Amino acid sequence: PEDTAVYYCAARATYSSSSAYTTLQQYGYWGQGTQ
């Protein structure tokens, strides 16, 4: 039940193929969300 939320997809343009990101500020593009 605690997983209940609006889930958002995010994208970050990057030249690196081996970097993943964990904070909101690191992403520049967002979807509208799905409940």
PDB file of all heavy atoms in Angstrom:
ATOM      1  N   PRO A   1       0.813  -1.220   0.000  1.00  0.00           N
ATOM      2  CA  PRO A   1       0.000   0.000   0.000  1.00  0.00           C
ATOM      3  C   PRO A   1       0.848   1.272   0.000  1.00  0.00           C
ATOM      4  O   PRO A   1       0.452   2.279  -0.608  1.00  0.00           O
ATOM      5  CB  PRO A   1      -0.820  -0.136   1.281  1.00  0.00           C
ATOM      6  CG  PRO A   1      -0.951  -1.611   1.481  1.00  0.00           C
ATOM      7  CD  PRO A   1       0.355  -2.182   1.026  1.00  0.00           C
ATOM      8  N   GLU A   2       2.002   1.227   0.620  1.00  0.00           N
ATOM      9  CA  GLU A   2       2.868   2.420   0.655  1.00  0.00           C
ATOM     10  C   GLU A   2       3.531   2.719  -0.683  1.00  0.00           C
ATOM     11  O   GLU A   2       4.193   3.753  -0.827  1.00  0.00           O
ATOM     12  CB  GLU A   2       3.936   2.290   1.753  1.00  0.00           C
ATOM     13  CG  GLU A   2       4.721   1.006   1.722  1.00  0.00           C
ATOM     14  CD  GLU A   2       4.169  -0.040   2.690  1.00  0.00           C
ATOM     15  OE1 GLU A   2       2.929  -0.213   2.745  1.00  0.00           O
ATOM     16  OE2 GLU A   2       4.997  -0.698   3.363  1.00  0.00           O
ATOM     17  N   ASP A   3       3.358   1.853  -1.667  1.00  0.00           N
ATOM     18  CA  ASP A   3       3.838   2.139  -3.017  1.00  0.00           C
ATOM     19  C   ASP A   3       2.840   3.000  -3.798  1.00  0.00           C
ATOM     20  O   ASP A   3       3.133   3.420  -4.925  1.00  0.00           O
ATOM     21  CB  ASP A   3       4.080   0.838  -3.791  1.00  0.00           C
ATOM     22  CG  ASP A   3       5.217   0.016  -3.210  1.00  0.00           C
ATOM     23  OD1 ASP A   3       6.257   0.601  -2.851  1.00  0.00           O
ATOM     24  OD2 ASP A   3       5.062  -1.219  -3.144  1.00  0.00           O
ATOM     25  N   THR A   4       1.666   3.238  -3.202  1.00  0.00           N
ATOM     26  CA  THR A   4       0.671   4.073  -3.850  1.00  0.00           C
ATOM     27  C   THR A   4       1.222   5.470  -4.092  1.00  0.00           C
ATOM     28  O   THR A   4       1.710   6.130  -3.168  1.00  0.00           O
ATOM     29  CB  THR A   4      -0.601   4.162  -2.996  1.00  0.00           C
ATOM     30  OG1 THR A   4      -1.203   2.860  -2.928  1.00  0.00           O
ATOM     31  CG2 THR A   4      -1.596   5.152  -3.582  1.00  0.00           C
ATOM     32  N   ALA A   5       1.168   5.901  -5.348  1.00  0.00           N
ATOM     33  CA  ALA A   5       1.757   7.201  -5.722  1.00  0.00           C
ATOM     34  C   ALA A   5       1.476   7.477  -7.194  1.00  0.00           C
ATOM     35  O   ALA A   5       1.065   6.569  -7.940  1.00  0.00           O
ATOM     36  CB  ALA A   5       3.265   7.195  -5.479  1.00  0.00           C
ATOM     37  N   VAL A   6       1.742   8.702  -7.588  1.00  0.00           N
ATOM     38  CA  VAL A   6       1.841   9.010  -9.013  1.00  0.00           C
ATOM     39  C   VAL A   6       3.290   8.744  -9.420  1.00  0.00           C
ATOM     40  O   VAL A   6       4.216   9.255  -8.782  1.00  0.00           O
ATOM     41  CB  VAL A   6       1.459  10.468  -9.318  1.00  0.00           C
ATOM     42  CG1 VAL A   6       1.631  10.762 -10.802  1.00  0.00           C
ATOM     43  CG2 VAL A   6       0.018  10.743  -8.880  1.00  0.00           C
ATOM     44  N   TYR A   7       3.467   7.942 -10.439  1.00  0.00           N
ATOM     45  CA  TYR A   7       4.806   7.559 -10.895  1.00  0.00           C
ATOM     46  C   TYR A   7       5.169   8.389 -12.122  1.00  0.00           C
ATOM     47  O   TYR A   7       4.406   8.433 -13.098  1.00  0.00           O
ATOM     48  CB  TYR A   7       4.853   6.069 -11.208  1.00  0.00           C
ATOM     49  CG  TYR A   7       4.953   5.247  -9.947  1.00  0.00           C
ATOM     50  CD1 TYR A   7       3.860   5.105  -9.094  1.00  0.00           C
ATOM     51  CD2 TYR A   7       6.158   4.623  -9.588  1.00  0.00           C
ATOM     52  CE1 TYR A   7       3.958   4.379  -7.922  1.00  0.00           C
ATOM     53  CE2 TYR A   7       6.263   3.895  -8.420  1.00  0.00           C
ATOM     54  CZ  TYR A   7       5.154   3.776  -7.584  1.00  0.00           C
ATOM     55  OH  TYR A   7       5.262   3.054  -6.416  1.00  0.00           O
ATOM     56  N   TYR A   8       6.354   9.003 -12.052  1.00  0.00           N
ATOM     57  CA  TYR A   8       6.825   9.890 -13.109  1.00  0.00           C
ATOM     58  C   TYR A   8       8.076   9.319 -13.765  1.00  0.00           C
ATOM     59  O   TYR A   8       8.997   8.858 -13.082  1.00  0.00           O
ATOM     60  CB  TYR A   8       7.153  11.265 -12.556  1.00  0.00           C
ATOM     61  CG  TYR A   8       5.981  12.031 -12.006  1.00  0.00           C
ATOM     62  CD1 TYR A   8       5.640  11.947 -10.662  1.00  0.00           C
ATOM     63  CD2 TYR A   8       5.215  12.846 -12.832  1.00  0.00           C
ATOM     64  CE1 TYR A   8       4.563  12.646 -10.145  1.00  0.00           C
ATOM     65  CE2 TYR A   8       4.133  13.562 -12.333  1.00  0.00           C
ATOM     66  CZ  TYR A   8       3.814  13.460 -10.991  1.00  0.00           C
ATOM     67  OH  TYR A   8       2.753  14.160 -10.496  1.00  0.00           O
ATOM     68  N   CYS A   9       8.117   9.420 -15.073  1.00  0.00           N
ATOM     69  CA  CYS A   9       9.305   9.099 -15.841  1.00  0.00           C
ATOM     70  C   CYS A   9      10.121  10.376 -16.027  1.00  0.00           C
ATOM     71  O   CYS A   9       9.549  11.462 -16.195  1.00  0.00           O
ATOM     72  CB  CYS A   9       8.860   8.538 -17.190  1.00  0.00           C
ATOM     73  SG  CYS A   9      10.167   8.198 -18.360  1.00  0.00           S
ATOM     74  N   ALA A  10      11.443  10.242 -16.016  1.00  0.00           N
ATOM     75  CA  ALA A  10      12.311  11.405 -16.184  1.00  0.00           C
ATOM     76  C   ALA A  10      13.480  11.058 -17.097  1.00  0.00           C
ATOM     77  O   ALA A  10      13.907   9.899 -17.156  1.00  0.00           O
ATOM     78  CB  ALA A  10      12.825  11.871 -14.829  1.00  0.00           C
ATOM     79  N   ALA A  11      13.994  12.066 -17.785  1.00  0.00           N
ATOM     80  CA  ALA A  11      15.118  11.859 -18.703  1.00  0.00           C
ATOM     81  C   ALA A  11      16.171  12.939 -18.494  1.00  0.00           C
ATOM     82  O   ALA A  11      15.859  14.088 -18.179  1.00  0.00           O
ATOM     83  CB  ALA A  11      14.627  11.881 -20.153  1.00  0.00           C
ATOM     84  N   ARG A  12      17.418  12.532 -18.674  1.00  0.00           N
ATOM     85  CA  ARG A  12      18.536  13.470 -18.599  1.00  0.00           C
ATOM     86  C   ARG A  12      19.421  13.253 -19.814  1.00  0.00           C
ATOM     87  O   ARG A  12      19.914  12.137 -20.030  1.00  0.00           O
ATOM     88  CB  ARG A  12      19.353  13.256 -17.336  1.00  0.00           C
ATOM     89  CG  ARG A  12      20.627  14.121 -17.277  1.00  0.00           C
ATOM     90  CD  ARG A  12      21.536  13.711 -16.158  1.00  0.00           C
ATOM     91  NE  ARG A  12      22.848  14.325 -16.260  1.00  0.00           N
ATOM     92  CZ  ARG A  12      23.242  15.341 -15.494  1.00  0.00           C
ATOM     93  NH1 ARG A  12      22.427  15.827 -14.569  1.00  0.00           N
ATOM     94  NH2 ARG A  12      24.447  15.855 -15.628  1.00  0.00           N
ATOM     95  N   ALA A  13      19.613  14.302 -20.593  1.00  0.00           N
ATOM     96  CA  ALA A  13      20.527  14.225 -21.719  1.00  0.00           C
ATOM     97  C   ALA A  13      21.949  14.106 -21.187  1.00  0.00           C
ATOM     98  O   ALA A  13      22.347  14.854 -20.294  1.00  0.00           O
ATOM     99  CB  ALA A  13      20.389  15.454 -22.601  1.00  0.00           C
ATOM    100  N   THR A  14      22.703  13.148 -21.724  1.00  0.00           N
ATOM    101  CA  THR A  14      24.060  12.946 -21.243  1.00  0.00           C
ATOM    102  C   THR A  14      24.910  12.297 -22.322  1.00  0.00           C
ATOM    103  O   THR A  14      24.423  11.466 -23.094  1.00  0.00           O
ATOM    104  CB  THR A  14      24.072  12.076 -19.975  1.00  0.00           C
ATOM    105  OG1 THR A  14      25.425  11.824 -19.592  1.00  0.00           O
ATOM    106  CG2 THR A  14      23.386  10.743 -20.208  1.00  0.00           C
ATOM    107  N   TYR A  15      26.188  12.660 -22.358  1.00  0.00           N
ATOM    108  CA  TYR A  15      27.113  12.010 -23.275  1.00  0.00           C
ATOM    109  C   TYR A  15      27.620  10.691 -22.709  1.00  0.00           C
ATOM    110  O   TYR A  15      28.141   9.854 -23.440  1.00  0.00           O
ATOM    111  CB  TYR A  15      28.304  12.924 -23.577  1.00  0.00           C
ATOM    112  CG  TYR A  15      27.939  14.144 -24.369  1.00  0.00           C
ATOM    113  CD1 TYR A  15      27.964  15.403 -23.791  1.00  0.00           C
ATOM    114  CD2 TYR A  15      27.561  14.040 -25.711  1.00  0.00           C
ATOM    115  CE1 TYR A  15      27.625  16.528 -24.518  1.00  0.00           C
ATOM    116  CE2 TYR A  15      27.216  15.165 -26.437  1.00  0.00           C
ATOM    117  CZ  TYR A  15      27.252  16.400 -25.843  1.00  0.00           C
ATOM    118  OH  TYR A  15      26.915  17.518 -26.573  1.00  0.00           O
ATOM    119  N   SER A  16      27.477  10.527 -21.415  1.00  0.00           N
ATOM    120  CA  SER A  16      28.001   9.326 -20.767  1.00  0.00           C
ATOM    121  C   SER A  16      27.035   8.162 -20.924  1.00  0.00           C
ATOM    122  O   SER A  16      25.844   8.292 -20.671  1.00  0.00           O
ATOM    123  CB  SER A  16      28.227   9.594 -19.281  1.00  0.00           C
ATOM    124  OG  SER A  16      28.543   8.398 -18.608  1.00  0.00           O
ATOM    125  N   SER A  17      27.566   7.029 -21.329  1.00  0.00           N
ATOM    126  CA  SER A  17      26.727   5.836 -21.435  1.00  0.00           C
ATOM    127  C   SER A  17      26.715   5.027 -20.156  1.00  0.00           C
ATOM    128  O   SER A  17      25.961   4.040 -20.043  1.00  0.00           O
ATOM    129  CB  SER A  17      27.215   4.950 -22.587  1.00  0.00           C
ATOM    130  OG  SER A  17      28.529   4.488 -22.319  1.00  0.00           O
ATOM    131  N   SER A  18      27.528   5.445 -19.186  1.00  0.00           N
ATOM    132  CA  SER A  18      27.663   4.651 -17.964  1.00  0.00           C
ATOM    133  C   SER A  18      27.339   5.438 -16.707  1.00  0.00           C
ATOM    134  O   SER A  18      27.884   5.156 -15.642  1.00  0.00           O
ATOM    135  CB  SER A  18      29.083   4.095 -17.871  1.00  0.00           C
ATOM    136  OG  SER A  18      30.025   5.147 -17.863  1.00  0.00           O
ATOM    137  N   SER A  19      26.472   6.424 -16.827  1.00  0.00           N
ATOM    138  CA  SER A  19      26.070   7.202 -15.655  1.00  0.00           C
ATOM    139  C   SER A  19      24.568   7.110 -15.472  1.00  0.00           C
ATOM    140  O   SER A  19      23.803   7.261 -16.428  1.00  0.00           O
ATOM    141  CB  SER A  19      26.477   8.669 -15.826  1.00  0.00           C
ATOM    142  OG  SER A  19      27.882   8.804 -15.906  1.00  0.00           O
ATOM    143  N   ALA A  20      24.162   6.869 -14.228  1.00  0.00           N
ATOM    144  CA  ALA A  20      22.747   6.906 -13.865  1.00  0.00           C
ATOM    145  C   ALA A  20      22.596   7.938 -12.746  1.00  0.00           C
ATOM    146  O   ALA A  20      23.564   8.253 -12.048  1.00  0.00           O
ATOM    147  CB  ALA A  20      22.268   5.534 -13.418  1.00  0.00           C
ATOM    148  N   TYR A  21      21.405   8.437 -12.564  1.00  0.00           N
ATOM    149  CA  TYR A  21      21.194   9.593 -11.691  1.00  0.00           C
ATOM    150  C   TYR A  21      20.054   9.323 -10.726  1.00  0.00           C
ATOM    151  O   TYR A  21      19.112   8.588 -11.043  1.00  0.00           O
ATOM    152  CB  TYR A  21      20.911  10.829 -12.559  1.00  0.00           C
ATOM    153  CG  TYR A  21      22.020  11.071 -13.545  1.00  0.00           C
ATOM    154  CD1 TYR A  21      21.969  10.526 -14.825  1.00  0.00           C
ATOM    155  CD2 TYR A  21      23.145  11.807 -13.186  1.00  0.00           C
ATOM    156  CE1 TYR A  21      22.998  10.715 -15.725  1.00  0.00           C
ATOM    157  CE2 TYR A  21      24.178  11.998 -14.081  1.00  0.00           C
ATOM    158  CZ  TYR A  21      24.106  11.449 -15.351  1.00  0.00           C
ATOM    159  OH  TYR A  21      25.128  11.619 -16.231  1.00  0.00           O
ATOM    160  N   THR A  22      20.143   9.966  -9.547  1.00  0.00           N
ATOM    161  CA  THR A  22      19.218   9.619  -8.472  1.00  0.00           C
ATOM    162  C   THR A  22      18.459  10.801  -7.873  1.00  0.00           C
ATOM    163  O   THR A  22      17.642  10.587  -6.975  1.00  0.00           O
ATOM    164  CB  THR A  22      19.981   8.926  -7.331  1.00  0.00           C
ATOM    165  OG1 THR A  22      20.968   9.831  -6.819  1.00  0.00           O
ATOM    166  CG2 THR A  22      20.665   7.655  -7.814  1.00  0.00           C
ATOM    167  N   THR A  23      18.714  12.013  -8.314  1.00  0.00           N
ATOM    168  CA  THR A  23      18.029  13.164  -7.709  1.00  0.00           C
ATOM    169  C   THR A  23      17.171  13.894  -8.742  1.00  0.00           C
ATOM    170  O   THR A  23      17.463  13.879  -9.937  1.00  0.00           O
ATOM    171  CB  THR A  23      19.021  14.158  -7.106  1.00  0.00           C
ATOM    172  OG1 THR A  23      19.750  14.809  -8.169  1.00  0.00           O
ATOM    173  CG2 THR A  23      19.989  13.473  -6.170  1.00  0.00           C
ATOM    174  N   LEU A  24      16.129  14.548  -8.260  1.00  0.00           N
ATOM    175  CA  LEU A  24      15.217  15.281  -9.140  1.00  0.00           C
ATOM    176  C   LEU A  24      15.969  16.333  -9.957  1.00  0.00           C
ATOM    177  O   LEU A  24      15.700  16.515 -11.157  1.00  0.00           O
ATOM    178  CB  LEU A  24      14.127  15.984  -8.330  1.00  0.00           C
ATOM    179  CG  LEU A  24      12.922  15.172  -7.872  1.00  0.00           C
ATOM    180  CD1 LEU A  24      13.270  14.300  -6.682  1.00  0.00           C
ATOM    181  CD2 LEU A  24      11.761  16.105  -7.507  1.00  0.00           C
ATOM    182  N   GLN A  25      16.908  16.998  -9.312  1.00  0.00           N
ATOM    183  CA  GLN A  25      17.597  18.113  -9.955  1.00  0.00           C
ATOM    184  C   GLN A  25      18.465  17.667 -11.131  1.00  0.00           C
ATOM    185  O   GLN A  25      18.820  18.470 -11.988  1.00  0.00           O
ATOM    186  CB  GLN A  25      18.463  18.858  -8.937  1.00  0.00           C
ATOM    187  CG  GLN A  25      17.684  19.551  -7.844  1.00  0.00           C
ATOM    188  CD  GLN A  25      17.204  18.617  -6.746  1.00  0.00           C
ATOM    189  OE1 GLN A  25      17.567  17.434  -6.724  1.00  0.00           O
ATOM    190  NE2 GLN A  25      16.381  19.122  -5.855  1.00  0.00           N
ATOM    191  N   GLN A  26      18.799  16.389 -11.170  1.00  0.00           N
ATOM    192  CA  GLN A  26      19.660  15.889 -12.238  1.00  0.00           C
ATOM    193  C   GLN A  26      18.894  15.598 -13.536  1.00  0.00           C
ATOM    194  O   GLN A  26      19.512  15.332 -14.555  1.00  0.00           O
ATOM    195  CB  GLN A  26      20.385  14.621 -11.774  1.00  0.00           C
ATOM    196  CG  GLN A  26      21.423  14.895 -10.697  1.00  0.00           C
ATOM    197  CD  GLN A  26      22.046  13.622 -10.161  1.00  0.00           C
ATOM    198  OE1 GLN A  26      21.349  12.679  -9.789  1.00  0.00           O
ATOM    199  NE2 GLN A  26      23.362  13.586 -10.118  1.00  0.00           N
ATOM    200  N   TYR A  27      17.591  15.637 -13.486  1.00  0.00           N
ATOM    201  CA  TYR A  27      16.772  15.330 -14.659  1.00  0.00           C
ATOM    202  C   TYR A  27      16.129  16.598 -15.206  1.00  0.00           C
ATOM    203  O   TYR A  27      15.635  17.423 -14.449  1.00  0.00           O
ATOM    204  CB  TYR A  27      15.694  14.313 -14.296  1.00  0.00           C
ATOM    205  CG  TYR A  27      16.239  12.936 -14.029  1.00  0.00           C
ATOM    206  CD1 TYR A  27      16.661  12.562 -12.751  1.00  0.00           C
ATOM    207  CD2 TYR A  27      16.358  11.997 -15.060  1.00  0.00           C
ATOM    208  CE1 TYR A  27      17.182  11.302 -12.514  1.00  0.00           C
ATOM    209  CE2 TYR A  27      16.865  10.728 -14.826  1.00  0.00           C
ATOM    210  CZ  TYR A  27      17.278  10.392 -13.553  1.00  0.00           C
ATOM    211  OH  TYR A  27      17.791   9.137 -13.316  1.00  0.00           O
ATOM    212  N   GLY A  28      16.122  16.708 -16.532  1.00  0.00           N
ATOM    213  CA  GLY A  28      15.593  17.919 -17.141  1.00  0.00           C
ATOM    214  C   GLY A  28      14.251  17.757 -17.815  1.00  0.00           C
ATOM    215  O   GLY A  28      13.602  18.749 -18.156  1.00  0.00           O
ATOM    216  N   TYR A  29      13.839  16.512 -18.003  1.00  0.00           N
ATOM    217  CA  TYR A  29      12.581  16.259 -18.708  1.00  0.00           C
ATOM    218  C   TYR A  29      11.730  15.302 -17.886  1.00  0.00           C
ATOM    219  O   TYR A  29      12.247  14.331 -17.320  1.00  0.00           O
ATOM    220  CB  TYR A  29      12.854  15.655 -20.090  1.00  0.00           C
ATOM    221  CG  TYR A  29      13.724  16.533 -20.949  1.00  0.00           C
ATOM    222  CD1 TYR A  29      15.102  16.326 -21.016  1.00  0.00           C
ATOM    223  CD2 TYR A  29      13.171  17.577 -21.681  1.00  0.00           C
ATOM    224  CE1 TYR A  29      15.904  17.138 -21.792  1.00  0.00           C
ATOM    225  CE2 TYR A  29      13.979  18.401 -22.469  1.00  0.00           C
ATOM    226  CZ  TYR A  29      15.331  18.171 -22.506  1.00  0.00           C
ATOM    227  OH  TYR A  29      16.126  18.978 -23.283  1.00  0.00           O
ATOM    228  N   TRP A  30      10.422  15.588 -17.883  1.00  0.00           N
ATOM    229  CA  TRP A  30       9.486  14.824 -17.065  1.00  0.00           C
ATOM    230  C   TRP A  30       8.226  14.489 -17.847  1.00  0.00           C
ATOM    231  O   TRP A  30       7.769  15.272 -18.689  1.00  0.00           O
ATOM    232  CB  TRP A  30       9.095  15.625 -15.827  1.00  0.00           C
ATOM    233  CG  TRP A  30      10.253  15.848 -14.905  1.00  0.00           C
ATOM    234  CD1 TRP A  30      11.175  16.856 -14.954  1.00  0.00           C
ATOM    235  CD2 TRP A  30      10.632  15.019 -13.801  1.00  0.00           C
ATOM    236  NE1 TRP A  30      12.107  16.711 -13.953  1.00  0.00           N
ATOM    237  CE2 TRP A  30      11.789  15.593 -13.223  1.00  0.00           C
ATOM    238  CE3 TRP A  30      10.112  13.847 -13.244  1.00  0.00           C
ATOM    239  CZ2 TRP A  30      12.431  15.025 -12.132  1.00  0.00           C
ATOM    240  CZ3 TRP A  30      10.740  13.296 -12.156  1.00  0.00           C
ATOM    241  CH2 TRP A  30      11.893  13.887 -11.603  1.00  0.00           C
ATOM    242  N   GLY A  31       7.667  13.310 -17.536  1.00  0.00           N
ATOM    243  CA  GLY A  31       6.359  12.960 -18.062  1.00  0.00           C
ATOM    244  C   GLY A  31       5.262  13.524 -17.176  1.00  0.00           C
ATOM    245  O   GLY A  31       5.530  14.186 -16.168  1.00  0.00           O
ATOM    246  N   GLN A  32       4.027  13.227 -17.549  1.00  0.00           N
ATOM    247  CA  GLN A  32       2.885  13.778 -16.820  1.00  0.00           C
ATOM    248  C   GLN A  32       2.491  12.912 -15.628  1.00  0.00           C
ATOM    249  O   GLN A  32       1.699  13.336 -14.787  1.00  0.00           O
ATOM    250  CB  GLN A  32       1.689  13.938 -17.760  1.00  0.00           C
ATOM    251  CG  GLN A  32       0.853  12.678 -17.985  1.00  0.00           C
ATOM    252  CD  GLN A  32       1.557  11.612 -18.793  1.00  0.00           C
ATOM    253  OE1 GLN A  32       2.585  11.855 -19.414  1.00  0.00           O
ATOM    254  NE2 GLN A  32       1.001  10.403 -18.801  1.00  0.00           N
ATOM    255  N   GLY A  33       3.012  11.697 -15.573  1.00  0.00           N
ATOM    256  CA  GLY A  33       2.739  10.811 -14.441  1.00  0.00           C
ATOM    257  C   GLY A  33       1.620   9.830 -14.699  1.00  0.00           C
ATOM    258  O   GLY A  33       0.720  10.077 -15.511  1.00  0.00           O
ATOM    259  N   THR A  34       1.678   8.717 -14.005  1.00  0.00           N
ATOM    260  CA  THR A  34       0.620   7.702 -14.060  1.00  0.00           C
ATOM    261  C   THR A  34       0.349   7.217 -12.636  1.00  0.00           C
ATOM    262  O   THR A  34       1.272   6.985 -11.855  1.00  0.00           O
ATOM    263  CB  THR A  34       1.011   6.543 -14.994  1.00  0.00           C
ATOM    264  OG1 THR A  34      -0.090   5.640 -15.118  1.00  0.00           O
ATOM    265  CG2 THR A  34       2.223   5.770 -14.497  1.00  0.00           C
ATOM    266  N   GLN A  35      -0.923   7.098 -12.305  1.00  0.00           N
ATOM    267  CA  GLN A  35      -1.322   6.754 -10.931  1.00  0.00           C
ATOM    268  C   GLN A  35      -1.208   5.249 -10.709  1.00  0.00           C
ATOM    269  O   GLN A  35      -1.713   4.445 -11.504  1.00  0.00           O
ATOM    270  CB  GLN A  35      -2.753   7.206 -10.668  1.00  0.00           C
ATOM    271  CG  GLN A  35      -3.288   6.821  -9.299  1.00  0.00           C
ATOM    272  CD  GLN A  35      -2.641   7.600  -8.167  1.00  0.00           C
ATOM    273  OE1 GLN A  35      -2.504   8.824  -8.249  1.00  0.00           O
ATOM    274  NE2 GLN A  35      -2.247   6.900  -7.107  1.00  0.00           N
TER     275      GLN A  35
END
